[in-house]
Amino acid sequence: RAMTLERQEGLAKLVVDPESQRVLGVGLTGIGAGDMIAEGALAIEMGALASDLALTIHPHPTLSETVMEAAEVFYGHCTHLATKG
């Protein structure tokens, strides 16, 4: 969605315990970050695993997919990774 808005600057960072895979922290910058952080706060509060975020269905195309894709990166893949080239 950020690409269609021509607003690709930003960053999503998940802090995940490598052993338990629990989400310990979430950092977001860029367009819509203030709205998307709620999903990260809920994940921390409920003790979610990175897989909980990665496997949650998110509407497409939306900025909320950013959190899902950050969790996917923890597992070594990303559904909509834009490559430079």
C-alpha atoms as a PDB file:
ATOM      1  CA  ARG A   1       0.000   0.000   0.000  1.00  0.00           C
ATOM      2  CA  ALA A   2       2.847   2.374   0.797  1.00  0.00           C
ATOM      3  CA  MET A   3       4.083   1.880  -2.760  1.00  0.00           C
ATOM      4  CA  THR A   4       0.714   2.904  -4.227  1.00  0.00           C
ATOM      5  CA  LEU A   5       0.709   5.967  -1.964  1.00  0.00           C
ATOM      6  CA  GLU A   6       4.259   6.752  -3.138  1.00  0.00           C
ATOM      7  CA  ARG A   7       5.285   6.863   0.538  1.00  0.00           C
ATOM      8  CA  GLN A   8       7.767   4.017   0.867  1.00  0.00           C
ATOM      9  CA  GLU A   9       9.907   5.551   3.601  1.00  0.00           C
ATOM     10  CA  GLY A  10       9.518   3.916   6.969  1.00  0.00           C
ATOM     11  CA  LEU A  11      10.633   1.022   9.103  1.00  0.00           C
ATOM     12  CA  ALA A  12       9.056  -1.843  11.008  1.00  0.00           C
ATOM     13  CA  LYS A  13      11.067  -3.597  13.692  1.00  0.00           C
ATOM     14  CA  LEU A  14       9.990  -6.472  15.889  1.00  0.00           C
ATOM     15  CA  VAL A  15      11.999  -7.493  18.919  1.00  0.00           C
ATOM     16  CA  VAL A  16      11.478 -11.242  19.272  1.00  0.00           C
ATOM     17  CA  ASP A  17      12.940 -13.630  21.835  1.00  0.00           C
ATOM     18  CA  PRO A  18      14.808 -16.166  19.680  1.00  0.00           C
ATOM     19  CA  GLU A  19      14.064 -19.080  22.006  1.00  0.00           C
ATOM     20  CA  SER A  20      10.395 -18.568  22.870  1.00  0.00           C
ATOM     21  CA  GLN A  21       9.604 -16.548  19.706  1.00  0.00           C
ATOM     22  CA  ARG A  22       7.533 -14.162  21.850  1.00  0.00           C
ATOM     23  CA  VAL A  23       7.149 -10.596  20.630  1.00  0.00           C
ATOM     24  CA  LEU A  24       8.904  -8.372  23.173  1.00  0.00           C
ATOM     25  CA  GLY A  25       8.806  -5.041  21.361  1.00  0.00           C
ATOM     26  CA  VAL A  26       7.604  -3.276  18.238  1.00  0.00           C
ATOM     27  CA  GLY A  27       8.915  -0.140  16.571  1.00  0.00           C
ATOM     28  CA  LEU A  28       7.333   1.554  13.571  1.00  0.00           C
ATOM     29  CA  THR A  29       8.095   4.718  11.630  1.00  0.00           C
ATOM     30  CA  GLY A  30       6.504   6.126   8.509  1.00  0.00           C
ATOM     31  CA  ILE A  31       3.020   6.769   7.222  1.00  0.00           C
ATOM     32  CA  GLY A  32       0.339   5.112   9.372  1.00  0.00           C
ATOM     33  CA  ALA A  33       2.734   4.085  12.147  1.00  0.00           C
ATOM     34  CA  GLY A  34       0.497   5.584  14.823  1.00  0.00           C
ATOM     35  CA  ASP A  35      -2.399   3.413  13.689  1.00  0.00           C
ATOM     36  CA  MET A  36      -0.387   0.224  13.165  1.00  0.00           C
ATOM     37  CA  ILE A  37       1.308   0.254  16.566  1.00  0.00           C
ATOM     38  CA  ALA A  38      -1.927  -0.951  18.201  1.00  0.00           C
ATOM     39  CA  GLU A  39      -1.403  -4.420  16.697  1.00  0.00           C
ATOM     40  CA  GLY A  40       2.087  -4.539  18.168  1.00  0.00           C
ATOM     41  CA  ALA A  41       0.881  -3.390  21.582  1.00  0.00           C
ATOM     42  CA  LEU A  42      -1.793  -6.090  21.587  1.00  0.00           C
ATOM     43  CA  ALA A  43       0.765  -8.727  20.557  1.00  0.00           C
ATOM     44  CA  ILE A  44       2.994  -7.796  23.496  1.00  0.00           C
ATOM     45  CA  GLU A  45       0.091  -7.672  25.964  1.00  0.00           C
ATOM     46  CA  MET A  46      -1.231 -11.106  24.958  1.00  0.00           C
ATOM     47  CA  GLY A  47       2.199 -12.733  24.817  1.00  0.00           C
ATOM     48  CA  ALA A  48       1.917 -13.405  21.085  1.00  0.00           C
ATOM     49  CA  LEU A  49       4.516 -15.295  19.126  1.00  0.00           C
ATOM     50  CA  ALA A  50       6.006 -13.922  15.935  1.00  0.00           C
ATOM     51  CA  SER A  51       4.122 -16.697  14.143  1.00  0.00           C
ATOM     52  CA  ASP A  52       0.823 -15.309  15.480  1.00  0.00           C
ATOM     53  CA  LEU A  53       1.522 -12.056  13.649  1.00  0.00           C
ATOM     54  CA  ALA A  54       2.932 -13.747  10.548  1.00  0.00           C
ATOM     55  CA  LEU A  55      -0.066 -16.069  10.164  1.00  0.00           C
ATOM     56  CA  THR A  56      -2.780 -13.496  10.868  1.00  0.00           C
ATOM     57  CA  ILE A  57      -4.696 -12.616   7.717  1.00  0.00           C
ATOM     58  CA  HIS A  58      -4.306  -8.936   6.871  1.00  0.00           C
ATOM     59  CA  PRO A  59      -6.295  -7.113   4.176  1.00  0.00           C
ATOM     60  CA  HIS A  60      -4.350  -6.410   0.988  1.00  0.00           C
ATOM     61  CA  PRO A  61      -3.226  -3.855   0.028  1.00  0.00           C
ATOM     62  CA  THR A  62      -3.031  -2.095   3.388  1.00  0.00           C
ATOM     63  CA  LEU A  63      -0.343  -0.573   5.539  1.00  0.00           C
ATOM     64  CA  SER A  64      -1.270  -3.028   8.311  1.00  0.00           C
ATOM     65  CA  GLU A  65       0.473  -5.773   6.327  1.00  0.00           C
ATOM     66  CA  THR A  66       3.712  -4.157   7.458  1.00  0.00           C
ATOM     67  CA  VAL A  67       3.490  -5.794  10.895  1.00  0.00           C
ATOM     68  CA  MET A  68       2.730  -9.202   9.371  1.00  0.00           C
ATOM     69  CA  GLU A  69       5.653  -8.904   6.976  1.00  0.00           C
ATOM     70  CA  ALA A  70       8.041  -7.880   9.752  1.00  0.00           C
ATOM     71  CA  ALA A  71       7.055 -11.083  11.560  1.00  0.00           C
ATOM     72  CA  GLU A  72       7.557 -13.090   8.362  1.00  0.00           C
ATOM     73  CA  VAL A  73      11.109 -11.765   8.095  1.00  0.00           C
ATOM     74  CA  PHE A  74      11.827 -13.381  11.472  1.00  0.00           C
ATOM     75  CA  TYR A  75      11.138 -16.715   9.747  1.00  0.00           C
ATOM     76  CA  GLY A  76      13.222 -15.871   6.675  1.00  0.00           C
ATOM     77  CA  HIS A  77      10.589 -14.867   4.148  1.00  0.00           C
ATOM     78  CA  CYS A  78       8.369 -11.921   3.299  1.00  0.00           C
ATOM     79  CA  THR A  79       5.215 -12.023   1.169  1.00  0.00           C
ATOM     80  CA  HIS A  80       5.534  -8.621  -0.480  1.00  0.00           C
ATOM     81  CA  LEU A  81       9.204  -7.732  -0.217  1.00  0.00           C
ATOM     82  CA  ALA A  82      10.030  -5.000  -2.694  1.00  0.00           C
ATOM     83  CA  THR A  83      13.439  -5.401  -4.252  1.00  0.00           C
ATOM     84  CA  LYS A  84      15.549  -2.620  -5.641  1.00  0.00           C
ATOM     85  CA  GLY A  85      16.747  -3.013  -9.148  1.00  0.00           C
END
